[in-house]
Amino acid sequence: MAISDMEIPVRILADLGDRQLRALDELAKQKKVSRAALIRLAVDNLLVKHRNDRQSDAFGLWGDRTVDGLVYQEKLRGEW
């Protein structure tokens, strides 16, 4: 891995409620990882979900179809 490919950690501030903090600490203890590691994982999961949601939006109504779009287009144009 090149040095330019490495991520440099950046410290942030995030306000969490007492309930969230207790639950996060309990999970960190169960998983034997740091609180920060769980937060990074949560952010990664959120970003993946957001990216997947945006990709599925791009497919619109066509996303559920099993027919190849190009084949369908050529079939329609062949009817002209």
N, C-alpha and C. Protein backbone atom coordinates (compact mmCIF):
# COMPACT_ATOMS: atom_id res chain seq x y z
N MET A 1 0.85 -1.17 0.00
CA MET A 1 0.00 0.00 0.00
C MET A 1 0.90 1.23 0.00
N ALA A 2 0.62 2.14 -0.91
CA ALA A 2 1.41 3.37 -0.98
C ALA A 2 1.00 4.30 0.14
N ILE A 3 1.93 5.16 0.50
CA ILE A 3 1.65 6.12 1.58
C ILE A 3 0.44 6.98 1.22
N SER A 4 0.27 7.33 -0.05
CA SER A 4 -0.85 8.18 -0.45
C SER A 4 -2.19 7.47 -0.31
N ASP A 5 -2.18 6.10 -0.25
CA ASP A 5 -3.42 5.34 -0.10
C ASP A 5 -3.87 5.18 1.34
N MET A 6 -2.98 5.50 2.29
CA MET A 6 -3.30 5.32 3.71
C MET A 6 -4.23 6.44 4.19
N GLU A 7 -5.19 6.04 5.00
CA GLU A 7 -6.08 7.03 5.58
C GLU A 7 -5.47 7.58 6.86
N ILE A 8 -5.53 8.86 7.00
CA ILE A 8 -5.02 9.51 8.20
C ILE A 8 -6.22 9.76 9.11
N PRO A 9 -6.22 9.17 10.31
CA PRO A 9 -7.34 9.37 11.21
C PRO A 9 -7.50 10.85 11.59
N VAL A 10 -8.74 11.28 11.67
CA VAL A 10 -9.06 12.64 12.08
C VAL A 10 -9.99 12.55 13.27
N ARG A 11 -9.70 13.28 14.30
CA ARG A 11 -10.53 13.30 15.50
C ARG A 11 -11.74 14.20 15.25
N ILE A 12 -12.91 13.72 15.69
CA ILE A 12 -14.13 14.52 15.57
C ILE A 12 -14.83 14.57 16.93
N LEU A 13 -15.73 15.49 17.06
CA LEU A 13 -16.60 15.55 18.23
C LEU A 13 -17.98 15.10 17.82
N ALA A 14 -18.58 14.26 18.62
CA ALA A 14 -19.94 13.82 18.36
C ALA A 14 -20.69 13.81 19.69
N ASP A 15 -21.85 14.40 19.71
CA ASP A 15 -22.66 14.43 20.92
C ASP A 15 -23.57 13.21 20.94
N LEU A 16 -23.42 12.39 21.97
CA LEU A 16 -24.26 11.21 22.16
C LEU A 16 -24.98 11.33 23.48
N GLY A 17 -26.18 10.80 23.53
CA GLY A 17 -26.93 10.78 24.77
C GLY A 17 -26.40 9.71 25.71
N ASP A 18 -26.75 9.82 26.98
CA ASP A 18 -26.30 8.84 27.98
C ASP A 18 -26.70 7.42 27.59
N ARG A 19 -27.92 7.26 27.13
CA ARG A 19 -28.41 5.92 26.73
C ARG A 19 -27.57 5.37 25.59
N GLN A 20 -27.28 6.20 24.60
CA GLN A 20 -26.47 5.76 23.47
C GLN A 20 -25.06 5.38 23.93
N LEU A 21 -24.50 6.19 24.78
CA LEU A 21 -23.14 5.95 25.26
C LEU A 21 -23.05 4.66 26.06
N ARG A 22 -24.03 4.42 26.94
CA ARG A 22 -24.04 3.19 27.72
C ARG A 22 -24.17 1.96 26.81
N ALA A 23 -25.08 2.05 25.85
CA ALA A 23 -25.28 0.93 24.93
C ALA A 23 -24.03 0.69 24.08
N LEU A 24 -23.40 1.77 23.64
CA LEU A 24 -22.18 1.66 22.84
C LEU A 24 -21.06 1.03 23.66
N ASP A 25 -20.90 1.45 24.90
CA ASP A 25 -19.87 0.88 25.77
C ASP A 25 -20.13 -0.60 26.05
N GLU A 26 -21.38 -0.96 26.24
CA GLU A 26 -21.73 -2.36 26.49
C GLU A 26 -21.40 -3.22 25.26
N LEU A 27 -21.73 -2.72 24.09
CA LEU A 27 -21.44 -3.45 22.86
C LEU A 27 -19.93 -3.56 22.63
N ALA A 28 -19.22 -2.49 22.90
CA ALA A 28 -17.76 -2.50 22.75
C ALA A 28 -17.14 -3.55 23.67
N LYS A 29 -17.66 -3.65 24.87
CA LYS A 29 -17.15 -4.64 25.82
C LYS A 29 -17.44 -6.06 25.33
N GLN A 30 -18.67 -6.28 24.83
CA GLN A 30 -19.04 -7.61 24.31
C GLN A 30 -18.17 -8.00 23.12
N LYS A 31 -17.95 -7.07 22.21
CA LYS A 31 -17.19 -7.34 20.99
C LYS A 31 -15.68 -7.26 21.20
N LYS A 32 -15.29 -6.76 22.37
CA LYS A 32 -13.86 -6.58 22.69
C LYS A 32 -13.16 -5.69 21.67
N VAL A 33 -13.83 -4.58 21.39
CA VAL A 33 -13.26 -3.55 20.51
C VAL A 33 -13.45 -2.20 21.19
N SER A 34 -12.80 -1.20 20.67
CA SER A 34 -12.93 0.13 21.26
C SER A 34 -14.24 0.78 20.83
N ARG A 35 -14.64 1.76 21.59
CA ARG A 35 -15.80 2.57 21.24
C ARG A 35 -15.58 3.22 19.87
N ALA A 36 -14.37 3.73 19.65
CA ALA A 36 -14.05 4.38 18.38
C ALA A 36 -14.19 3.42 17.20
N ALA A 37 -13.78 2.16 17.40
CA ALA A 37 -13.88 1.17 16.33
C ALA A 37 -15.34 0.93 15.97
N LEU A 38 -16.21 0.87 16.98
CA LEU A 38 -17.64 0.69 16.71
C LEU A 38 -18.22 1.89 15.97
N ILE A 39 -17.80 3.06 16.35
CA ILE A 39 -18.31 4.27 15.68
C ILE A 39 -17.84 4.29 14.23
N ARG A 40 -16.57 3.93 13.98
CA ARG A 40 -16.08 3.88 12.60
C ARG A 40 -16.87 2.87 11.79
N LEU A 41 -17.16 1.71 12.37
CA LEU A 41 -17.94 0.68 11.70
C LEU A 41 -19.35 1.19 11.38
N ALA A 42 -19.95 1.88 12.34
CA ALA A 42 -21.30 2.43 12.13
C ALA A 42 -21.30 3.45 10.98
N VAL A 43 -20.28 4.29 10.94
CA VAL A 43 -20.18 5.28 9.86
C VAL A 43 -19.99 4.58 8.52
N ASP A 44 -19.11 3.57 8.48
CA ASP A 44 -18.91 2.81 7.24
C ASP A 44 -20.21 2.18 6.76
N ASN A 45 -20.96 1.57 7.69
CA ASN A 45 -22.23 0.93 7.33
C ASN A 45 -23.24 1.95 6.81
N LEU A 46 -23.29 3.11 7.44
CA LEU A 46 -24.19 4.16 6.99
C LEU A 46 -23.83 4.62 5.58
N LEU A 47 -22.55 4.79 5.32
CA LEU A 47 -22.12 5.24 3.99
C LEU A 47 -22.40 4.20 2.92
N VAL A 48 -22.20 2.93 3.22
CA VAL A 48 -22.51 1.86 2.26
C VAL A 48 -24.00 1.84 1.99
N LYS A 49 -24.81 1.93 3.04
CA LYS A 49 -26.27 1.92 2.86
C LYS A 49 -26.70 3.11 2.01
N HIS A 50 -26.15 4.26 2.28
CA HIS A 50 -26.50 5.46 1.51
C HIS A 50 -26.11 5.28 0.05
N ARG A 51 -24.92 4.74 -0.21
CA ARG A 51 -24.47 4.53 -1.58
C ARG A 51 -25.39 3.52 -2.29
N ASN A 52 -25.77 2.44 -1.59
CA ASN A 52 -26.66 1.44 -2.17
C ASN A 52 -28.04 2.01 -2.43
N ASP A 53 -28.54 2.84 -1.52
CA ASP A 53 -29.84 3.48 -1.71
C ASP A 53 -29.81 4.37 -2.94
N ARG A 54 -28.75 5.13 -3.11
CA ARG A 54 -28.63 6.03 -4.25
C ARG A 54 -28.51 5.24 -5.54
N GLN A 55 -27.79 4.12 -5.52
CA GLN A 55 -27.65 3.31 -6.73
C GLN A 55 -28.99 2.70 -7.12
N SER A 56 -29.74 2.21 -6.15
CA SER A 56 -31.03 1.61 -6.48
C SER A 56 -32.01 2.66 -6.98
N ASP A 57 -31.90 3.90 -6.50
CA ASP A 57 -32.75 4.98 -7.01
C ASP A 57 -32.47 5.23 -8.49
N ALA A 58 -31.22 5.06 -8.90
CA ALA A 58 -30.85 5.32 -10.28
C ALA A 58 -31.51 4.32 -11.22
N PHE A 59 -31.79 3.13 -10.73
CA PHE A 59 -32.40 2.12 -11.59
C PHE A 59 -33.90 2.33 -11.73
N GLY A 60 -34.49 3.06 -10.82
CA GLY A 60 -35.91 3.35 -10.90
C GLY A 60 -36.76 2.10 -11.00
N LEU A 61 -37.78 2.17 -11.82
CA LEU A 61 -38.70 1.04 -11.97
C LEU A 61 -38.06 -0.12 -12.72
N TRP A 62 -37.01 0.13 -13.45
CA TRP A 62 -36.37 -0.92 -14.23
C TRP A 62 -35.62 -1.91 -13.35
N GLY A 63 -35.27 -1.52 -12.14
CA GLY A 63 -34.46 -2.35 -11.27
C GLY A 63 -35.04 -3.72 -10.98
N ASP A 64 -36.36 -3.88 -11.01
CA ASP A 64 -36.98 -5.17 -10.72
C ASP A 64 -37.10 -6.07 -11.94
N ARG A 65 -36.80 -5.55 -13.10
CA ARG A 65 -36.96 -6.34 -14.32
C ARG A 65 -35.77 -7.26 -14.53
N THR A 66 -36.04 -8.39 -15.17
CA THR A 66 -34.97 -9.36 -15.43
C THR A 66 -34.48 -9.27 -16.87
N VAL A 67 -35.17 -8.52 -17.72
CA VAL A 67 -34.80 -8.38 -19.12
C VAL A 67 -33.65 -7.38 -19.24
N ASP A 68 -32.68 -7.69 -20.06
CA ASP A 68 -31.58 -6.78 -20.31
C ASP A 68 -32.12 -5.53 -21.01
N GLY A 69 -31.72 -4.37 -20.56
CA GLY A 69 -32.23 -3.11 -21.10
C GLY A 69 -31.92 -2.93 -22.57
N LEU A 70 -30.73 -3.31 -23.01
CA LEU A 70 -30.36 -3.16 -24.41
C LEU A 70 -31.17 -4.08 -25.30
N VAL A 71 -31.39 -5.31 -24.87
CA VAL A 71 -32.20 -6.27 -25.63
C VAL A 71 -33.62 -5.73 -25.77
N TYR A 72 -34.16 -5.22 -24.68
CA TYR A 72 -35.51 -4.67 -24.69
C TYR A 72 -35.61 -3.47 -25.65
N GLN A 73 -34.62 -2.61 -25.59
CA GLN A 73 -34.58 -1.43 -26.47
C GLN A 73 -34.52 -1.85 -27.94
N GLU A 74 -33.67 -2.81 -28.25
CA GLU A 74 -33.55 -3.27 -29.64
C GLU A 74 -34.84 -3.92 -30.12
N LYS A 75 -35.52 -4.64 -29.24
CA LYS A 75 -36.80 -5.26 -29.60
C LYS A 75 -37.84 -4.19 -29.94
N LEU A 76 -37.91 -3.17 -29.09
CA LEU A 76 -38.86 -2.09 -29.35
C LEU A 76 -38.54 -1.36 -30.65
N ARG A 77 -37.28 -1.07 -30.87
CA ARG A 77 -36.89 -0.37 -32.09
C ARG A 77 -37.11 -1.24 -33.34
N GLY A 78 -37.01 -2.55 -33.15
CA GLY A 78 -37.24 -3.45 -34.26
C GLY A 78 -38.70 -3.43 -34.71
N GLU A 79 -39.60 -2.99 -33.84
CA GLU A 79 -41.01 -2.92 -34.19
C GLU A 79 -41.33 -1.69 -35.03
N TRP A 80 -40.39 -0.75 -35.16
CA TRP A 80 -40.65 0.45 -35.94
C TRP A 80 -40.60 0.07 -37.37
